[in-house]
Amino acid sequence: MPIVVRLDVMMAKRKVRSNVLARAVGVTEANLSLLKSGNVKGIRFSTLEAICRHLHCQPVEILEWVPDEGAEGLKQAG
């Protein structure tokens, strides 16, 4: 998957527990767990904003784009 979620790393750096962040952001712990594992197809900007506000971070510290090997092959072929 080209987008890697690093929310668990940022939470550890800030020493914030899942239940505290979930409550602060207004999502369930189950949904936060899915987000941390990267098992989601999307995230609302309002949720991302609330997470960044609570953790005092930028979206780039939570989400990282990692190119697929296949995407690199297409780029070179074109």
PDB file of N, CA and C in Angstrom:
ATOM      1  N   MET A   1       0.848  -1.184   0.000  1.00  0.00           N
ATOM      2  CA  MET A   1       0.000   0.000   0.000  1.00  0.00           C
ATOM      3  C   MET A   1       0.888   1.240   0.000  1.00  0.00           C
ATOM      4  N   PRO A   2       0.664   2.166  -0.892  1.00  0.00           N
ATOM      5  CA  PRO A   2       1.543   3.327  -0.999  1.00  0.00           C
ATOM      6  C   PRO A   2       1.418   4.332   0.145  1.00  0.00           C
ATOM      7  N   ILE A   3       0.293   4.371   0.871  1.00  0.00           N
ATOM      8  CA  ILE A   3       0.160   5.284   2.008  1.00  0.00           C
ATOM      9  C   ILE A   3       0.332   4.474   3.291  1.00  0.00           C
ATOM     10  N   VAL A   4       1.316   4.860   4.079  1.00  0.00           N
ATOM     11  CA  VAL A   4       1.596   4.182   5.346  1.00  0.00           C
ATOM     12  C   VAL A   4       1.135   5.090   6.479  1.00  0.00           C
ATOM     13  N   VAL A   5       0.371   4.527   7.411  1.00  0.00           N
ATOM     14  CA  VAL A   5      -0.132   5.281   8.556  1.00  0.00           C
ATOM     15  C   VAL A   5       0.831   5.094   9.720  1.00  0.00           C
ATOM     16  N   ARG A   6       1.345   6.198  10.235  1.00  0.00           N
ATOM     17  CA  ARG A   6       2.304   6.173  11.339  1.00  0.00           C
ATOM     18  C   ARG A   6       1.695   6.790  12.607  1.00  0.00           C
ATOM     19  N   LEU A   7       0.394   6.655  12.751  1.00  0.00           N
ATOM     20  CA  LEU A   7      -0.293   7.224  13.896  1.00  0.00           C
ATOM     21  C   LEU A   7       0.204   6.619  15.206  1.00  0.00           C
ATOM     22  N   ASP A   8       0.445   5.321  15.211  1.00  0.00           N
ATOM     23  CA  ASP A   8       0.914   4.676  16.442  1.00  0.00           C
ATOM     24  C   ASP A   8       2.263   5.230  16.893  1.00  0.00           C
ATOM     25  N   VAL A   9       3.130   5.563  15.938  1.00  0.00           N
ATOM     26  CA  VAL A   9       4.439   6.134  16.267  1.00  0.00           C
ATOM     27  C   VAL A   9       4.261   7.508  16.909  1.00  0.00           C
ATOM     28  N   MET A  10       3.405   8.344  16.322  1.00  0.00           N
ATOM     29  CA  MET A  10       3.184   9.681  16.867  1.00  0.00           C
ATOM     30  C   MET A  10       2.525   9.611  18.234  1.00  0.00           C
ATOM     31  N   MET A  11       1.599   8.685  18.403  1.00  0.00           N
ATOM     32  CA  MET A  11       0.955   8.523  19.710  1.00  0.00           C
ATOM     33  C   MET A  11       1.976   8.113  20.769  1.00  0.00           C
ATOM     34  N   ALA A  12       2.896   7.237  20.402  1.00  0.00           N
ATOM     35  CA  ALA A  12       3.939   6.823  21.342  1.00  0.00           C
ATOM     36  C   ALA A  12       4.859   7.992  21.692  1.00  0.00           C
ATOM     37  N   LYS A  13       5.219   8.792  20.691  1.00  0.00           N
ATOM     38  CA  LYS A  13       6.072   9.960  20.945  1.00  0.00           C
ATOM     39  C   LYS A  13       5.408  10.945  21.896  1.00  0.00           C
ATOM     40  N   ARG A  14       4.094  11.112  21.732  1.00  0.00           N
ATOM     41  CA  ARG A  14       3.352  12.062  22.558  1.00  0.00           C
ATOM     42  C   ARG A  14       2.826  11.430  23.851  1.00  0.00           C
ATOM     43  N   LYS A  15       3.041  10.118  23.982  1.00  0.00           N
ATOM     44  CA  LYS A  15       2.572   9.364  25.153  1.00  0.00           C
ATOM     45  C   LYS A  15       1.069   9.519  25.356  1.00  0.00           C
ATOM     46  N   VAL A  16       0.338   9.315  24.260  1.00  0.00           N
ATOM     47  CA  VAL A  16      -1.121   9.411  24.273  1.00  0.00           C
ATOM     48  C   VAL A  16      -1.692   8.022  24.050  1.00  0.00           C
ATOM     49  N   ARG A  17      -2.595   7.617  24.909  1.00  0.00           N
ATOM     50  CA  ARG A  17      -3.233   6.299  24.783  1.00  0.00           C
ATOM     51  C   ARG A  17      -4.392   6.357  23.795  1.00  0.00           C
ATOM     52  N   SER A  18      -4.696   5.219  23.217  1.00  0.00           N
ATOM     53  CA  SER A  18      -5.750   5.130  22.206  1.00  0.00           C
ATOM     54  C   SER A  18      -7.091   5.614  22.732  1.00  0.00           C
ATOM     55  N   ASN A  19      -7.460   5.200  23.944  1.00  0.00           N
ATOM     56  CA  ASN A  19      -8.772   5.587  24.464  1.00  0.00           C
ATOM     57  C   ASN A  19      -8.869   7.098  24.670  1.00  0.00           C
ATOM     58  N   VAL A  20      -7.775   7.727  25.059  1.00  0.00           N
ATOM     59  CA  VAL A  20      -7.758   9.176  25.261  1.00  0.00           C
ATOM     60  C   VAL A  20      -7.891   9.897  23.920  1.00  0.00           C
ATOM     61  N   LEU A  21      -7.134   9.466  22.920  1.00  0.00           N
ATOM     62  CA  LEU A  21      -7.199  10.095  21.600  1.00  0.00           C
ATOM     63  C   LEU A  21      -8.567   9.883  20.961  1.00  0.00           C
ATOM     64  N   ALA A  22      -9.090   8.674  21.065  1.00  0.00           N
ATOM     65  CA  ALA A  22     -10.404   8.386  20.480  1.00  0.00           C
ATOM     66  C   ALA A  22     -11.469   9.306  21.067  1.00  0.00           C
ATOM     67  N   ARG A  23     -11.456   9.466  22.370  1.00  0.00           N
ATOM     68  CA  ARG A  23     -12.422  10.347  23.035  1.00  0.00           C
ATOM     69  C   ARG A  23     -12.238  11.797  22.596  1.00  0.00           C
ATOM     70  N   ALA A  24     -10.980  12.249  22.536  1.00  0.00           N
ATOM     71  CA  ALA A  24     -10.691  13.641  22.164  1.00  0.00           C
ATOM     72  C   ALA A  24     -11.093  13.951  20.729  1.00  0.00           C
ATOM     73  N   VAL A  25     -10.938  12.955  19.850  1.00  0.00           N
ATOM     74  CA  VAL A  25     -11.202  13.153  18.421  1.00  0.00           C
ATOM     75  C   VAL A  25     -12.676  12.904  18.088  1.00  0.00           C
ATOM     76  N   GLY A  26     -13.332  12.095  18.898  1.00  0.00           N
ATOM     77  CA  GLY A  26     -14.732  11.794  18.645  1.00  0.00           C
ATOM     78  C   GLY A  26     -14.946  10.598  17.751  1.00  0.00           C
ATOM     79  N   VAL A  27     -14.047   9.609  17.836  1.00  0.00           N
ATOM     80  CA  VAL A  27     -14.211   8.356  17.106  1.00  0.00           C
ATOM     81  C   VAL A  27     -14.190   7.209  18.109  1.00  0.00           C
ATOM     82  N   THR A  28     -14.641   6.053  17.672  1.00  0.00           N
ATOM     83  CA  THR A  28     -14.601   4.897  18.558  1.00  0.00           C
ATOM     84  C   THR A  28     -13.172   4.355  18.629  1.00  0.00           C
ATOM     85  N   GLU A  29     -12.886   3.645  19.696  1.00  0.00           N
ATOM     86  CA  GLU A  29     -11.565   3.021  19.808  1.00  0.00           C
ATOM     87  C   GLU A  29     -11.358   2.003  18.699  1.00  0.00           C
ATOM     88  N   ALA A  30     -12.441   1.338  18.286  1.00  0.00           N
ATOM     89  CA  ALA A  30     -12.341   0.357  17.197  1.00  0.00           C
ATOM     90  C   ALA A  30     -11.936   1.045  15.889  1.00  0.00           C
ATOM     91  N   ASN A  31     -12.550   2.192  15.594  1.00  0.00           N
ATOM     92  CA  ASN A  31     -12.189   2.913  14.371  1.00  0.00           C
ATOM     93  C   ASN A  31     -10.780   3.470  14.447  1.00  0.00           C
ATOM     94  N   LEU A  32     -10.365   3.932  15.615  1.00  0.00           N
ATOM     95  CA  LEU A  32      -9.001   4.426  15.779  1.00  0.00           C
ATOM     96  C   LEU A  32      -8.008   3.282  15.580  1.00  0.00           C
ATOM     97  N   SER A  33      -8.343   2.108  16.079  1.00  0.00           N
ATOM     98  CA  SER A  33      -7.487   0.939  15.900  1.00  0.00           C
ATOM     99  C   SER A  33      -7.350   0.580  14.421  1.00  0.00           C
ATOM    100  N   LEU A  34      -8.446   0.640  13.680  1.00  0.00           N
ATOM    101  CA  LEU A  34      -8.403   0.379  12.234  1.00  0.00           C
ATOM    102  C   LEU A  34      -7.519   1.401  11.534  1.00  0.00           C
ATOM    103  N   LEU A  35      -7.641   2.654  11.935  1.00  0.00           N
ATOM    104  CA  LEU A  35      -6.825   3.707  11.344  1.00  0.00           C
ATOM    105  C   LEU A  35      -5.347   3.487  11.646  1.00  0.00           C
ATOM    106  N   LYS A  36      -5.031   3.150  12.890  1.00  0.00           N
ATOM    107  CA  LYS A  36      -3.636   2.911  13.277  1.00  0.00           C
ATOM    108  C   LYS A  36      -3.027   1.770  12.481  1.00  0.00           C
ATOM    109  N   SER A  37      -3.820   0.745  12.184  1.00  0.00           N
ATOM    110  CA  SER A  37      -3.308  -0.409  11.448  1.00  0.00           C
ATOM    111  C   SER A  37      -3.281  -0.172   9.939  1.00  0.00           C
ATOM    112  N   GLY A  38      -3.894   0.921   9.485  1.00  0.00           N
ATOM    113  CA  GLY A  38      -3.922   1.216   8.055  1.00  0.00           C
ATOM    114  C   GLY A  38      -5.012   0.474   7.317  1.00  0.00           C
ATOM    115  N   ASN A  39      -5.941  -0.150   8.048  1.00  0.00           N
ATOM    116  CA  ASN A  39      -7.015  -0.926   7.422  1.00  0.00           C
ATOM    117  C   ASN A  39      -8.245  -0.066   7.140  1.00  0.00           C
ATOM    118  N   VAL A  40      -8.031   1.093   6.549  1.00  0.00           N
ATOM    119  CA  VAL A  40      -9.124   1.978   6.169  1.00  0.00           C
ATOM    120  C   VAL A  40      -8.900   2.433   4.730  1.00  0.00           C
ATOM    121  N   LYS A  41      -9.967   2.818   4.081  1.00  0.00           N
ATOM    122  CA  LYS A  41      -9.853   3.310   2.702  1.00  0.00           C
ATOM    123  C   LYS A  41      -9.734   4.823   2.654  1.00  0.00           C
ATOM    124  N   GLY A  42     -10.033   5.483   3.759  1.00  0.00           N
ATOM    125  CA  GLY A  42      -9.965   6.935   3.773  1.00  0.00           C
ATOM    126  C   GLY A  42     -10.108   7.469   5.181  1.00  0.00           C
ATOM    127  N   ILE A  43      -9.890   8.771   5.306  1.00  0.00           N
ATOM    128  CA  ILE A  43     -10.059   9.464   6.574  1.00  0.00           C
ATOM    129  C   ILE A  43     -10.624  10.838   6.263  1.00  0.00           C
ATOM    130  N   ARG A  44     -11.567  11.271   7.048  1.00  0.00           N
ATOM    131  CA  ARG A  44     -12.128  12.607   6.871  1.00  0.00           C
ATOM    132  C   ARG A  44     -11.091  13.641   7.286  1.00  0.00           C
ATOM    133  N   PHE A  45     -11.059  14.736   6.552  1.00  0.00           N
ATOM    134  CA  PHE A  45     -10.134  15.812   6.903  1.00  0.00           C
ATOM    135  C   PHE A  45     -10.422  16.333   8.308  1.00  0.00           C
ATOM    136  N   SER A  46     -11.683  16.362   8.705  1.00  0.00           N
ATOM    137  CA  SER A  46     -12.021  16.850  10.045  1.00  0.00           C
ATOM    138  C   SER A  46     -11.441  15.929  11.118  1.00  0.00           C
ATOM    139  N   THR A  47     -11.418  14.624  10.849  1.00  0.00           N
ATOM    140  CA  THR A  47     -10.821  13.672  11.796  1.00  0.00           C
ATOM    141  C   THR A  47      -9.313  13.840  11.828  1.00  0.00           C
ATOM    142  N   LEU A  48      -8.704  13.969  10.666  1.00  0.00           N
ATOM    143  CA  LEU A  48      -7.265  14.188  10.589  1.00  0.00           C
ATOM    144  C   LEU A  48      -6.880  15.479  11.305  1.00  0.00           C
ATOM    145  N   GLU A  49      -7.671  16.519  11.099  1.00  0.00           N
ATOM    146  CA  GLU A  49      -7.416  17.794  11.767  1.00  0.00           C
ATOM    147  C   GLU A  49      -7.497  17.644  13.288  1.00  0.00           C
ATOM    148  N   ALA A  50      -8.499  16.937  13.774  1.00  0.00           N
ATOM    149  CA  ALA A  50      -8.662  16.744  15.216  1.00  0.00           C
ATOM    150  C   ALA A  50      -7.506  15.939  15.800  1.00  0.00           C
ATOM    151  N   ILE A  51      -7.053  14.929  15.067  1.00  0.00           N
ATOM    152  CA  ILE A  51      -5.910  14.126  15.524  1.00  0.00           C
ATOM    153  C   ILE A  51      -4.668  15.004  15.598  1.00  0.00           C
ATOM    154  N   CYS A  52      -4.414  15.764  14.532  1.00  0.00           N
ATOM    155  CA  CYS A  52      -3.231  16.633  14.512  1.00  0.00           C
ATOM    156  C   CYS A  52      -3.298  17.696  15.601  1.00  0.00           C
ATOM    157  N   ARG A  53      -4.479  18.227  15.834  1.00  0.00           N
ATOM    158  CA  ARG A  53      -4.638  19.238  16.880  1.00  0.00           C
ATOM    159  C   ARG A  53      -4.306  18.630  18.240  1.00  0.00           C
ATOM    160  N   HIS A  54      -4.842  17.446  18.510  1.00  0.00           N
ATOM    161  CA  HIS A  54      -4.620  16.814  19.823  1.00  0.00           C
ATOM    162  C   HIS A  54      -3.166  16.389  20.011  1.00  0.00           C
ATOM    163  N   LEU A  55      -2.538  15.896  18.942  1.00  0.00           N
ATOM    164  CA  LEU A  55      -1.152  15.413  19.045  1.00  0.00           C
ATOM    165  C   LEU A  55      -0.125  16.509  18.752  1.00  0.00           C
ATOM    166  N   HIS A  56      -0.597  17.707  18.390  1.00  0.00           N
ATOM    167  CA  HIS A  56       0.306  18.817  18.049  1.00  0.00           C
ATOM    168  C   HIS A  56       1.325  18.377  16.998  1.00  0.00           C
ATOM    169  N   CYS A  57       0.795  17.926  15.852  1.00  0.00           N
ATOM    170  CA  CYS A  57       1.668  17.449  14.778  1.00  0.00           C
ATOM    171  C   CYS A  57       1.086  17.848  13.432  1.00  0.00           C
ATOM    172  N   GLN A  58       1.824  17.574  12.396  1.00  0.00           N
ATOM    173  CA  GLN A  58       1.395  17.824  11.023  1.00  0.00           C
ATOM    174  C   GLN A  58       0.929  16.504  10.394  1.00  0.00           C
ATOM    175  N   PRO A  59       0.032  16.550   9.402  1.00  0.00           N
ATOM    176  CA  PRO A  59      -0.411  15.316   8.745  1.00  0.00           C
ATOM    177  C   PRO A  59       0.741  14.469   8.206  1.00  0.00           C
ATOM    178  N   VAL A  60       1.807  15.112   7.741  1.00  0.00           N
ATOM    179  CA  VAL A  60       2.950  14.379   7.198  1.00  0.00           C
ATOM    180  C   VAL A  60       3.634  13.518   8.268  1.00  0.00           C
ATOM    181  N   GLU A  61       3.417  13.829   9.528  1.00  0.00           N
ATOM    182  CA  GLU A  61       3.993  13.033  10.607  1.00  0.00           C
ATOM    183  C   GLU A  61       3.163  11.782  10.898  1.00  0.00           C
ATOM    184  N   ILE A  62       1.969  11.728  10.315  1.00  0.00           N
ATOM    185  CA  ILE A  62       1.063  10.596  10.517  1.00  0.00           C
ATOM    186  C   ILE A  62       0.932   9.753   9.255  1.00  0.00           C
ATOM    187  N   LEU A  63       0.918  10.402   8.109  1.00  0.00           N
ATOM    188  CA  LEU A  63       0.721   9.718   6.829  1.00  0.00           C
ATOM    189  C   LEU A  63       1.969   9.868   5.971  1.00  0.00           C
ATOM    190  N   GLU A  64       2.405   8.763   5.391  1.00  0.00           N
ATOM    191  CA  GLU A  64       3.598   8.797   4.535  1.00  0.00           C
ATOM    192  C   GLU A  64       3.302   8.062   3.234  1.00  0.00           C
ATOM    193  N   TRP A  65       3.666   8.668   2.116  1.00  0.00           N
ATOM    194  CA  TRP A  65       3.519   8.015   0.820  1.00  0.00           C
ATOM    195  C   TRP A  65       4.803   7.261   0.511  1.00  0.00           C
ATOM    196  N   VAL A  66       4.650   5.960   0.244  1.00  0.00           N
ATOM    197  CA  VAL A  66       5.774   5.108  -0.131  1.00  0.00           C
ATOM    198  C   VAL A  66       5.453   4.534  -1.500  1.00  0.00           C
ATOM    199  N   PRO A  67       6.274   4.832  -2.499  1.00  0.00           N
ATOM    200  CA  PRO A  67       5.953   4.372  -3.857  1.00  0.00           C
ATOM    201  C   PRO A  67       5.949   2.851  -3.972  1.00  0.00           C
ATOM    202  N   ASP A  68       5.001   2.343  -4.751  1.00  0.00           N
ATOM    203  CA  ASP A  68       4.948   0.916  -5.090  1.00  0.00           C
ATOM    204  C   ASP A  68       6.076   0.600  -6.056  1.00  0.00           C
ATOM    205  N   GLU A  69       6.523  -0.635  -6.044  1.00  0.00           N
ATOM    206  CA  GLU A  69       7.520  -1.051  -7.045  1.00  0.00           C
ATOM    207  C   GLU A  69       6.923  -0.970  -8.444  1.00  0.00           C
ATOM    208  N   GLY A  70       5.638  -1.310  -8.568  1.00  0.00           N
ATOM    209  CA  GLY A  70       4.966  -1.258  -9.856  1.00  0.00           C
ATOM    210  C   GLY A  70       4.836   0.161 -10.375  1.00  0.00           C
ATOM    211  N   ALA A  71       4.613   1.116  -9.473  1.00  0.00           N
ATOM    212  CA  ALA A  71       4.481   2.514  -9.876  1.00  0.00           C
ATOM    213  C   ALA A  71       5.797   3.033 -10.422  1.00  0.00           C
ATOM    214  N   GLU A  72       6.896   2.616  -9.874  1.00  0.00           N
ATOM    215  CA  GLU A  72       8.205   3.049 -10.371  1.00  0.00           C
ATOM    216  C   GLU A  72       8.439   2.512 -11.781  1.00  0.00           C
ATOM    217  N   GLY A  73       8.008   1.267 -12.036  1.00  0.00           N
ATOM    218  CA  GLY A  73       8.175   0.691 -13.365  1.00  0.00           C
ATOM    219  C   GLY A  73       7.369   1.444 -14.398  1.00  0.00           C
ATOM    220  N   LEU A  74       6.139   1.869 -14.034  1.00  0.00           N
ATOM    221  CA  LEU A  74       5.317   2.631 -14.957  1.00  0.00           C
ATOM    222  C   LEU A  74       5.930   3.990 -15.248  1.00  0.00           C
ATOM    223  N   LYS A  75       6.502   4.610 -14.236  1.00  0.00           N
ATOM    224  CA  LYS A  75       7.116   5.921 -14.406  1.00  0.00           C
ATOM    225  C   LYS A  75       8.292   5.847 -15.365  1.00  0.00           C
ATOM    226  N   GLN A  76       9.111   4.807 -15.208  1.00  0.00           N
ATOM    227  CA  GLN A  76      10.300   4.667 -16.047  1.00  0.00           C
ATOM    228  C   GLN A  76       9.928   4.300 -17.481  1.00  0.00           C
ATOM    229  N   ALA A  77       8.837   3.528 -17.634  1.00  0.00           N
ATOM    230  CA  ALA A  77       8.441   3.105 -18.974  1.00  0.00           C
ATOM    231  C   ALA A  77       7.846   4.258 -19.787  1.00  0.00           C
ATOM    232  N   GLY A  78       7.239   5.252 -19.092  1.00  0.00           N
ATOM    233  CA  GLY A  78       6.551   6.349 -19.780  1.00  0.00           C
ATOM    234  C   GLY A  78       7.437   7.424 -20.129  1.00  0.00           C
TER     235      GLY A  78
END
